[in-house]
PDB file of all heavy atoms in Angstrom:
ATOM      1  N   GLU A   1       3.853  11.914 -85.092  1.00  0.00           N
ATOM      2  CA  GLU A   1       2.766  12.872 -85.010  1.00  0.00           C
ATOM      3  C   GLU A   1       1.609  12.256 -84.180  1.00  0.00           C
ATOM      4  O   GLU A   1       1.410  11.012 -84.206  1.00  0.00           O
ATOM      5  CB  GLU A   1       2.206  13.155 -86.449  1.00  0.00           C
ATOM      6  CG  GLU A   1       3.170  13.966 -87.289  1.00  0.00           C
ATOM      7  CD  GLU A   1       3.394  15.368 -86.767  1.00  0.00           C
ATOM      8  OE1 GLU A   1       2.427  15.986 -86.312  1.00  0.00           O
ATOM      9  OE2 GLU A   1       4.560  15.818 -86.811  1.00  0.00           O
ATOM     10  N   PRO A   2       0.926  13.062 -83.407  1.00  0.00           N
ATOM     11  CA  PRO A   2      -0.192  12.553 -82.633  1.00  0.00           C
ATOM     12  C   PRO A   2      -1.218  11.909 -83.481  1.00  0.00           C
ATOM     13  O   PRO A   2      -1.504  12.360 -84.613  1.00  0.00           O
ATOM     14  CB  PRO A   2      -0.722  13.804 -81.944  1.00  0.00           C
ATOM     15  CG  PRO A   2       0.341  14.789 -81.935  1.00  0.00           C
ATOM     16  CD  PRO A   2       1.134  14.506 -83.176  1.00  0.00           C
ATOM     17  N   ILE A   3      -1.797  10.831 -83.052  1.00  0.00           N
ATOM     18  CA  ILE A   3      -2.889  10.135 -83.800  1.00  0.00           C
ATOM     19  C   ILE A   3      -4.211  10.643 -83.203  1.00  0.00           C
ATOM     20  O   ILE A   3      -4.588  10.248 -82.101  1.00  0.00           O
ATOM     21  CB  ILE A   3      -2.750   8.611 -83.607  1.00  0.00           C
ATOM     22  CG1 ILE A   3      -1.420   8.112 -84.242  1.00  0.00           C
ATOM     23  CG2 ILE A   3      -3.923   7.906 -84.294  1.00  0.00           C
ATOM     24  CD1 ILE A   3      -1.122   6.704 -84.076  1.00  0.00           C
ATOM     25  N   CYS A   4      -4.850  11.572 -83.956  1.00  0.00           N
ATOM     26  CA  CYS A   4      -6.037  12.213 -83.472  1.00  0.00           C
ATOM     27  C   CYS A   4      -7.178  12.092 -84.420  1.00  0.00           C
ATOM     28  O   CYS A   4      -7.009  12.162 -85.655  1.00  0.00           O
ATOM     29  CB  CYS A   4      -5.759  13.725 -83.217  1.00  0.00           C
ATOM     30  SG  CYS A   4      -4.363  14.062 -82.089  1.00  0.00           S
ATOM     31  N   ALA A   5      -8.390  11.950 -83.902  1.00  0.00           N
ATOM     32  CA  ALA A   5      -9.549  11.726 -84.721  1.00  0.00           C
ATOM     33  C   ALA A   5     -10.015  13.019 -85.405  1.00  0.00           C
ATOM     34  O   ALA A   5      -9.882  14.108 -84.899  1.00  0.00           O
ATOM     35  CB  ALA A   5     -10.744  11.257 -83.843  1.00  0.00           C
ATOM     36  N   THR A   6     -10.456  12.897 -86.656  1.00  0.00           N
ATOM     37  CA  THR A   6     -11.116  14.016 -87.347  1.00  0.00           C
ATOM     38  C   THR A   6     -12.528  14.192 -86.835  1.00  0.00           C
ATOM     39  O   THR A   6     -13.029  13.323 -86.118  1.00  0.00           O
ATOM     40  CB  THR A   6     -11.112  13.720 -88.857  1.00  0.00           C
ATOM     41  OG1 THR A   6     -11.989  12.585 -89.085  1.00  0.00           O
ATOM     42  CG2 THR A   6      -9.740  13.472 -89.386  1.00  0.00           C
ATOM     43  N   LYS A   7     -13.194  15.238 -87.251  1.00  0.00           N
ATOM     44  CA  LYS A   7     -14.562  15.507 -86.768  1.00  0.00           C
ATOM     45  C   LYS A   7     -15.495  14.343 -87.226  1.00  0.00           C
ATOM     46  O   LYS A   7     -16.335  13.926 -86.439  1.00  0.00           O
ATOM     47  CB  LYS A   7     -15.001  16.827 -87.388  1.00  0.00           C
ATOM     48  CG  LYS A   7     -16.422  17.194 -86.920  1.00  0.00           C
ATOM     49  CD  LYS A   7     -16.865  18.603 -87.429  1.00  0.00           C
ATOM     50  CE  LYS A   7     -18.242  18.970 -86.973  1.00  0.00           C
ATOM     51  NZ  LYS A   7     -18.676  20.304 -87.486  1.00  0.00           N
ATOM     52  N   SER A   8     -15.311  13.902 -88.481  1.00  0.00           N
ATOM     53  CA  SER A   8     -16.209  12.803 -88.939  1.00  0.00           C
ATOM     54  C   SER A   8     -15.918  11.491 -88.186  1.00  0.00           C
ATOM     55  O   SER A   8     -16.838  10.732 -87.849  1.00  0.00           O
ATOM     56  CB  SER A   8     -16.022  12.580 -90.413  1.00  0.00           C
ATOM     57  OG  SER A   8     -14.669  12.206 -90.750  1.00  0.00           O
ATOM     58  N   GLN A   9     -14.646  11.216 -87.839  1.00  0.00           N
ATOM     59  CA  GLN A   9     -14.299  10.090 -87.065  1.00  0.00           C
ATOM     60  C   GLN A   9     -14.866  10.151 -85.605  1.00  0.00           C
ATOM     61  O   GLN A   9     -15.275   9.130 -85.054  1.00  0.00           O
ATOM     62  CB  GLN A   9     -12.778   9.871 -87.038  1.00  0.00           C
ATOM     63  CG  GLN A   9     -12.230   9.444 -88.401  1.00  0.00           C
ATOM     64  CD  GLN A   9     -10.702   9.448 -88.441  1.00  0.00           C
ATOM     65  OE1 GLN A   9     -10.087  10.272 -87.745  1.00  0.00           O
ATOM     66  NE2 GLN A   9     -10.147   8.612 -89.296  1.00  0.00           N
ATOM     67  N   VAL A  10     -14.857  11.398 -85.078  1.00  0.00           N
ATOM     68  CA  VAL A  10     -15.429  11.533 -83.740  1.00  0.00           C
ATOM     69  C   VAL A  10     -16.887  11.166 -83.760  1.00  0.00           C
ATOM     70  O   VAL A  10     -17.341  10.419 -82.817  1.00  0.00           O
ATOM     71  CB  VAL A  10     -15.306  13.018 -83.295  1.00  0.00           C
ATOM     72  CG1 VAL A  10     -16.175  13.275 -82.037  1.00  0.00           C
ATOM     73  CG2 VAL A  10     -13.846  13.407 -83.029  1.00  0.00           C
ATOM     74  N   GLU A  11     -17.636  11.568 -84.752  1.00  0.00           N
ATOM     75  CA  GLU A  11     -19.021  11.223 -84.837  1.00  0.00           C
ATOM     76  C   GLU A  11     -19.301   9.688 -84.953  1.00  0.00           C
ATOM     77  O   GLU A  11     -20.144   9.169 -84.261  1.00  0.00           O
ATOM     78  CB  GLU A  11     -19.641  11.912 -86.047  1.00  0.00           C
ATOM     79  CG  GLU A  11     -19.721  13.427 -85.935  1.00  0.00           C
ATOM     80  CD  GLU A  11     -20.159  14.079 -87.222  1.00  0.00           C
ATOM     81  OE1 GLU A  11     -20.352  13.399 -88.229  1.00  0.00           O
ATOM     82  OE2 GLU A  11     -20.319  15.357 -87.226  1.00  0.00           O
ATOM     83  N   VAL A  12     -18.422   9.021 -85.742  1.00  0.00           N
ATOM     84  CA  VAL A  12     -18.579   7.543 -85.896  1.00  0.00           C
ATOM     85  C   VAL A  12     -18.219   6.844 -84.583  1.00  0.00           C
ATOM     86  O   VAL A  12     -18.963   5.940 -84.130  1.00  0.00           O
ATOM     87  CB  VAL A  12     -17.665   7.065 -87.010  1.00  0.00           C
ATOM     88  CG1 VAL A  12     -17.617   5.530 -87.038  1.00  0.00           C
ATOM     89  CG2 VAL A  12     -18.097   7.586 -88.383  1.00  0.00           C
ATOM     90  N   VAL A  13     -17.158   7.237 -83.970  1.00  0.00           N
ATOM     91  CA  VAL A  13     -16.724   6.631 -82.688  1.00  0.00           C
ATOM     92  C   VAL A  13     -17.758   6.815 -81.598  1.00  0.00           C
ATOM     93  O   VAL A  13     -18.156   5.865 -80.881  1.00  0.00           O
ATOM     94  CB  VAL A  13     -15.368   7.187 -82.231  1.00  0.00           C
ATOM     95  CG1 VAL A  13     -15.040   6.676 -80.823  1.00  0.00           C
ATOM     96  CG2 VAL A  13     -14.274   6.696 -83.227  1.00  0.00           C
ATOM     97  N   ARG A  14     -18.271   8.049 -81.456  1.00  0.00           N
ATOM     98  CA  ARG A  14     -19.205   8.284 -80.386  1.00  0.00           C
ATOM     99  C   ARG A  14     -20.579   7.574 -80.607  1.00  0.00           C
ATOM    100  O   ARG A  14     -21.221   7.185 -79.656  1.00  0.00           O
ATOM    101  CB  ARG A  14     -19.435   9.792 -80.216  1.00  0.00           C
ATOM    102  CG  ARG A  14     -18.138  10.519 -79.738  1.00  0.00           C
ATOM    103  CD  ARG A  14     -18.409  11.880 -79.232  1.00  0.00           C
ATOM    104  NE  ARG A  14     -17.201  12.479 -78.756  1.00  0.00           N
ATOM    105  CZ  ARG A  14     -17.099  13.675 -78.152  1.00  0.00           C
ATOM    106  NH1 ARG A  14     -18.224  14.368 -77.999  1.00  0.00           N
ATOM    107  NH2 ARG A  14     -15.964  14.180 -77.749  1.00  0.00           N
ATOM    108  N   ALA A  15     -20.930   7.365 -81.878  1.00  0.00           N
ATOM    109  CA  ALA A  15     -22.130   6.646 -82.142  1.00  0.00           C
ATOM    110  C   ALA A  15     -21.934   5.192 -81.722  1.00  0.00           C
ATOM    111  O   ALA A  15     -22.868   4.541 -81.207  1.00  0.00           O
ATOM    112  CB  ALA A  15     -22.445   6.682 -83.666  1.00  0.00           C
ATOM    113  N   THR A  16     -20.780   4.671 -81.895  1.00  0.00           N
ATOM    114  CA  THR A  16     -20.429   3.266 -81.479  1.00  0.00           C
ATOM    115  C   THR A  16     -20.516   3.148 -79.977  1.00  0.00           C
ATOM    116  O   THR A  16     -21.019   2.146 -79.451  1.00  0.00           O
ATOM    117  CB  THR A  16     -19.045   2.874 -81.967  1.00  0.00           C
ATOM    118  OG1 THR A  16     -18.975   2.959 -83.392  1.00  0.00           O
ATOM    119  CG2 THR A  16     -18.676   1.483 -81.522  1.00  0.00           C
ATOM    120  N   PHE A  17     -20.054   4.139 -79.265  1.00  0.00           N
ATOM    121  CA  PHE A  17     -20.018   4.064 -77.783  1.00  0.00           C
ATOM    122  C   PHE A  17     -21.351   4.524 -77.151  1.00  0.00           C
ATOM    123  O   PHE A  17     -21.494   4.422 -75.926  1.00  0.00           O
ATOM    124  CB  PHE A  17     -18.904   4.917 -77.220  1.00  0.00           C
ATOM    125  CG  PHE A  17     -17.551   4.178 -77.280  1.00  0.00           C
ATOM    126  CD1 PHE A  17     -16.812   4.218 -78.434  1.00  0.00           C
ATOM    127  CD2 PHE A  17     -17.024   3.504 -76.163  1.00  0.00           C
ATOM    128  CE1 PHE A  17     -15.591   3.525 -78.493  1.00  0.00           C
ATOM    129  CE2 PHE A  17     -15.881   2.859 -76.185  1.00  0.00           C
ATOM    130  CZ  PHE A  17     -15.112   2.834 -77.374  1.00  0.00           C
ATOM    131  N   ALA A  18     -22.280   4.967 -77.993  1.00  0.00           N
ATOM    132  CA  ALA A  18     -23.567   5.387 -77.443  1.00  0.00           C
ATOM    133  C   ALA A  18     -24.508   4.187 -77.276  1.00  0.00           C
ATOM    134  O   ALA A  18     -25.639   4.320 -76.814  1.00  0.00           O
ATOM    135  CB  ALA A  18     -24.268   6.382 -78.419  1.00  0.00           C
ATOM    136  N   LYS A  19     -24.088   3.000 -77.685  1.00  0.00           N
ATOM    137  CA  LYS A  19     -24.969   1.771 -77.540  1.00  0.00           C
ATOM    138  C   LYS A  19     -25.159   1.449 -76.073  1.00  0.00           C
ATOM    139  O   LYS A  19     -24.348   1.792 -75.211  1.00  0.00           O
ATOM    140  CB  LYS A  19     -24.285   0.609 -78.250  1.00  0.00           C
ATOM    141  CG  LYS A  19     -24.049   0.823 -79.765  1.00  0.00           C
ATOM    142  CD  LYS A  19     -23.280  -0.264 -80.420  1.00  0.00           C
ATOM    143  CE  LYS A  19     -22.966   0.006 -81.887  1.00  0.00           C
ATOM    144  NZ  LYS A  19     -22.126  -1.046 -82.502  1.00  0.00           N
ATOM    145  N   PRO A  20     -26.260   0.719 -75.763  1.00  0.00           N
ATOM    146  CA  PRO A  20     -26.537   0.348 -74.387  1.00  0.00           C
ATOM    147  C   PRO A  20     -25.358  -0.447 -73.713  1.00  0.00           C
ATOM    148  O   PRO A  20     -25.125  -0.302 -72.524  1.00  0.00           O
ATOM    149  CB  PRO A  20     -27.759  -0.572 -74.512  1.00  0.00           C
ATOM    150  CG  PRO A  20     -28.408  -0.104 -75.758  1.00  0.00           C
ATOM    151  CD  PRO A  20     -27.269   0.271 -76.707  1.00  0.00           C
ATOM    152  N   ALA A  21     -24.649  -1.248 -74.482  1.00  0.00           N
ATOM    153  CA  ALA A  21     -23.467  -1.957 -74.002  1.00  0.00           C
ATOM    154  C   ALA A  21     -22.277  -1.541 -74.820  1.00  0.00           C
ATOM    155  O   ALA A  21     -21.904  -2.248 -75.773  1.00  0.00           O
ATOM    156  CB  ALA A  21     -23.702  -3.479 -74.044  1.00  0.00           C
ATOM    157  N   PRO A  22     -21.640  -0.445 -74.507  1.00  0.00           N
ATOM    158  CA  PRO A  22     -20.517   0.112 -75.325  1.00  0.00           C
ATOM    159  C   PRO A  22     -19.343  -0.880 -75.307  1.00  0.00           C
ATOM    160  O   PRO A  22     -19.152  -1.572 -74.381  1.00  0.00           O
ATOM    161  CB  PRO A  22     -20.160   1.427 -74.654  1.00  0.00           C
ATOM    162  CG  PRO A  22     -20.704   1.312 -73.265  1.00  0.00           C
ATOM    163  CD  PRO A  22     -21.955   0.443 -73.331  1.00  0.00           C
ATOM    164  N   PRO A  23     -18.602  -0.924 -76.406  1.00  0.00           N
ATOM    165  CA  PRO A  23     -17.546  -1.888 -76.503  1.00  0.00           C
ATOM    166  C   PRO A  23     -16.298  -1.407 -75.709  1.00  0.00           C
ATOM    167  O   PRO A  23     -16.152  -0.212 -75.352  1.00  0.00           O
ATOM    168  CB  PRO A  23     -17.202  -1.901 -78.008  1.00  0.00           C
ATOM    169  CG  PRO A  23     -17.572  -0.483 -78.442  1.00  0.00           C
ATOM    170  CD  PRO A  23     -18.754  -0.112 -77.633  1.00  0.00           C
ATOM    171  N   ALA A  24     -15.350  -2.341 -75.526  1.00  0.00           N
ATOM    172  CA  ALA A  24     -13.994  -1.933 -74.996  1.00  0.00           C
ATOM    173  C   ALA A  24     -13.253  -1.172 -76.120  1.00  0.00           C
ATOM    174  O   ALA A  24     -13.637  -1.315 -77.324  1.00  0.00           O
ATOM    175  CB  ALA A  24     -13.267  -3.157 -74.583  1.00  0.00           C
ATOM    176  N   LEU A  25     -12.218  -0.453 -75.788  1.00  0.00           N
ATOM    177  CA  LEU A  25     -11.505   0.319 -76.784  1.00  0.00           C
ATOM    178  C   LEU A  25     -10.961  -0.599 -77.881  1.00  0.00           C
ATOM    179  O   LEU A  25     -11.042  -0.286 -79.044  1.00  0.00           O
ATOM    180  CB  LEU A  25     -10.381   1.124 -76.122  1.00  0.00           C
ATOM    181  CG  LEU A  25     -10.735   2.344 -75.320  1.00  0.00           C
ATOM    182  CD1 LEU A  25      -9.562   2.859 -74.554  1.00  0.00           C
ATOM    183  CD2 LEU A  25     -11.342   3.407 -76.218  1.00  0.00           C
ATOM    184  N   PHE A  26     -10.356  -1.716 -77.452  1.00  0.00           N
ATOM    185  CA  PHE A  26      -9.720  -2.577 -78.501  1.00  0.00           C
ATOM    186  C   PHE A  26     -10.786  -3.186 -79.409  1.00  0.00           C
ATOM    187  O   PHE A  26     -10.558  -3.391 -80.623  1.00  0.00           O
ATOM    188  CB  PHE A  26      -8.901  -3.672 -77.822  1.00  0.00           C
ATOM    189  CG  PHE A  26      -9.701  -4.819 -77.230  1.00  0.00           C
ATOM    190  CD1 PHE A  26     -10.062  -5.928 -77.961  1.00  0.00           C
ATOM    191  CD2 PHE A  26     -10.094  -4.734 -75.901  1.00  0.00           C
ATOM    192  CE1 PHE A  26     -10.819  -6.925 -77.384  1.00  0.00           C
ATOM    193  CE2 PHE A  26     -10.835  -5.734 -75.324  1.00  0.00           C
ATOM    194  CZ  PHE A  26     -11.196  -6.863 -76.065  1.00  0.00           C
ATOM    195  N   ALA A  27     -11.950  -3.456 -78.868  1.00  0.00           N
ATOM    196  CA  ALA A  27     -13.020  -4.022 -79.701  1.00  0.00           C
ATOM    197  C   ALA A  27     -13.549  -3.005 -80.685  1.00  0.00           C
ATOM    198  O   ALA A  27     -13.872  -3.280 -81.806  1.00  0.00           O
ATOM    199  CB  ALA A  27     -14.165  -4.517 -78.821  1.00  0.00           C
ATOM    200  N   ALA A  28     -13.670  -1.753 -80.213  1.00  0.00           N
ATOM    201  CA  ALA A  28     -14.139  -0.679 -81.158  1.00  0.00           C
ATOM    202  C   ALA A  28     -13.123  -0.441 -82.238  1.00  0.00           C
ATOM    203  O   ALA A  28     -13.459  -0.172 -83.403  1.00  0.00           O
ATOM    204  CB  ALA A  28     -14.366   0.601 -80.318  1.00  0.00           C
ATOM    205  N   ALA A  29     -11.834  -0.482 -81.902  1.00  0.00           N
ATOM    206  CA  ALA A  29     -10.775  -0.319 -82.890  1.00  0.00           C
ATOM    207  C   ALA A  29     -10.860  -1.394 -83.964  1.00  0.00           C
ATOM    208  O   ALA A  29     -10.708  -1.138 -85.172  1.00  0.00           O
ATOM    209  CB  ALA A  29      -9.414  -0.356 -82.209  1.00  0.00           C
ATOM    210  N   LYS A  30     -11.133  -2.641 -83.527  1.00  0.00           N
ATOM    211  CA  LYS A  30     -11.216  -3.740 -84.483  1.00  0.00           C
ATOM    212  C   LYS A  30     -12.466  -3.570 -85.332  1.00  0.00           C
ATOM    213  O   LYS A  30     -12.383  -3.826 -86.574  1.00  0.00           O
ATOM    214  CB  LYS A  30     -11.275  -5.089 -83.716  1.00  0.00           C
ATOM    215  CG  LYS A  30     -11.331  -6.274 -84.592  1.00  0.00           C
ATOM    216  CD  LYS A  30     -11.241  -7.571 -83.771  1.00  0.00           C
ATOM    217  CE  LYS A  30     -11.231  -8.806 -84.621  1.00  0.00           C
ATOM    218  NZ  LYS A  30     -11.183 -10.101 -83.867  1.00  0.00           N
ATOM    219  N   GLU A  31     -13.572  -3.166 -84.723  1.00  0.00           N
ATOM    220  CA  GLU A  31     -14.836  -3.042 -85.436  1.00  0.00           C
ATOM    221  C   GLU A  31     -14.749  -1.961 -86.500  1.00  0.00           C
ATOM    222  O   GLU A  31     -15.229  -2.069 -87.648  1.00  0.00           O
ATOM    223  CB  GLU A  31     -15.977  -2.739 -84.467  1.00  0.00           C
ATOM    224  CG  GLU A  31     -17.341  -2.475 -85.117  1.00  0.00           C
ATOM    225  CD  GLU A  31     -18.423  -2.105 -84.128  1.00  0.00           C
ATOM    226  OE1 GLU A  31     -18.198  -2.322 -82.918  1.00  0.00           O
ATOM    227  OE2 GLU A  31     -19.409  -1.503 -84.548  1.00  0.00           O
ATOM    228  N   LEU A  32     -14.174  -0.791 -86.113  1.00  0.00           N
ATOM    229  CA  LEU A  32     -14.102   0.348 -87.011  1.00  0.00           C
ATOM    230  C   LEU A  32     -12.858   0.373 -87.875  1.00  0.00           C
ATOM    231  O   LEU A  32     -12.700   1.284 -88.693  1.00  0.00           O
ATOM    232  CB  LEU A  32     -14.188   1.660 -86.175  1.00  0.00           C
ATOM    233  CG  LEU A  32     -15.443   1.826 -85.321  1.00  0.00           C
ATOM    234  CD1 LEU A  32     -15.385   3.054 -84.467  1.00  0.00           C
ATOM    235  CD2 LEU A  32     -16.696   1.874 -86.250  1.00  0.00           C
ATOM    236  N   LYS A  33     -11.935  -0.575 -87.604  1.00  0.00           N
ATOM    237  CA  LYS A  33     -10.705  -0.637 -88.386  1.00  0.00           C
ATOM    238  C   LYS A  33      -9.875   0.709 -88.270  1.00  0.00           C
ATOM    239  O   LYS A  33      -9.423   1.224 -89.301  1.00  0.00           O
ATOM    240  CB  LYS A  33     -10.950  -0.994 -89.849  1.00  0.00           C
ATOM    241  CG  LYS A  33     -11.595  -2.380 -90.012  1.00  0.00           C
ATOM    242  CD  LYS A  33     -11.828  -2.684 -91.494  1.00  0.00           C
ATOM    243  CE  LYS A  33     -12.290  -4.117 -91.680  1.00  0.00           C
ATOM    244  NZ  LYS A  33     -13.448  -4.500 -90.895  1.00  0.00           N
ATOM    245  N   LEU A  34      -9.769   1.164 -87.020  1.00  0.00           N
ATOM    246  CA  LEU A  34      -9.028   2.391 -86.747  1.00  0.00           C
ATOM    247  C   LEU A  34      -8.072   2.105 -85.621  1.00  0.00           C
ATOM    248  O   LEU A  34      -8.279   1.183 -84.819  1.00  0.00           O
ATOM    249  CB  LEU A  34     -10.001   3.502 -86.326  1.00  0.00           C
ATOM    250  CG  LEU A  34     -10.936   4.028 -87.388  1.00  0.00           C
ATOM    251  CD1 LEU A  34     -11.994   4.962 -86.749  1.00  0.00           C
ATOM    252  CD2 LEU A  34     -10.197   4.771 -88.499  1.00  0.00           C
ATOM    253  N   PRO A  35      -6.932   2.848 -85.532  1.00  0.00           N
ATOM    254  CA  PRO A  35      -6.017   2.682 -84.398  1.00  0.00           C
ATOM    255  C   PRO A  35      -6.741   2.941 -83.050  1.00  0.00           C
ATOM    256  O   PRO A  35      -7.571   3.845 -82.971  1.00  0.00           O
ATOM    257  CB  PRO A  35      -4.924   3.711 -84.656  1.00  0.00           C
ATOM    258  CG  PRO A  35      -4.975   4.041 -86.131  1.00  0.00           C
ATOM    259  CD  PRO A  35      -6.448   3.896 -86.497  1.00  0.00           C
ATOM    260  N   GLU A  36      -6.376   2.145 -82.057  1.00  0.00           N
ATOM    261  CA  GLU A  36      -7.038   2.338 -80.775  1.00  0.00           C
ATOM    262  C   GLU A  36      -6.807   3.724 -80.161  1.00  0.00           C
ATOM    263  O   GLU A  36      -7.753   4.263 -79.552  1.00  0.00           O
ATOM    264  CB  GLU A  36      -6.562   1.249 -79.791  1.00  0.00           C
ATOM    265  CG  GLU A  36      -7.345   1.228 -78.541  1.00  0.00           C
ATOM    266  CD  GLU A  36      -6.890   0.074 -77.574  1.00  0.00           C
ATOM    267  OE1 GLU A  36      -6.665  -1.006 -78.079  1.00  0.00           O
ATOM    268  OE2 GLU A  36      -6.812   0.361 -76.354  1.00  0.00           O
ATOM    269  N   ALA A  37      -5.654   4.298 -80.370  1.00  0.00           N
ATOM    270  CA  ALA A  37      -5.367   5.616 -79.813  1.00  0.00           C
ATOM    271  C   ALA A  37      -6.284   6.674 -80.469  1.00  0.00           C
ATOM    272  O   ALA A  37      -6.728   7.611 -79.822  1.00  0.00           O
ATOM    273  CB  ALA A  37      -3.917   6.019 -80.061  1.00  0.00           C
ATOM    274  N   LEU A  38      -6.614   6.451 -81.779  1.00  0.00           N
ATOM    275  CA  LEU A  38      -7.542   7.394 -82.433  1.00  0.00           C
ATOM    276  C   LEU A  38      -8.963   7.256 -81.847  1.00  0.00           C
ATOM    277  O   LEU A  38      -9.619   8.249 -81.641  1.00  0.00           O
ATOM    278  CB  LEU A  38      -7.571   7.070 -83.934  1.00  0.00           C
ATOM    279  CG  LEU A  38      -8.369   8.026 -84.819  1.00  0.00           C
ATOM    280  CD1 LEU A  38      -7.710   8.161 -86.187  1.00  0.00           C
ATOM    281  CD2 LEU A  38      -9.839   7.597 -84.967  1.00  0.00           C
TER     282      LEU A  38
END
């Protein structure tokens, strides 16, 4: 099954990437404890 973010997960991820120095995908996955594809 596709690994897709829920609405609440979208909000959390986008807040993380809204920082002045956004993280790389793998770093965000590690920080949020979510699959990188999500």
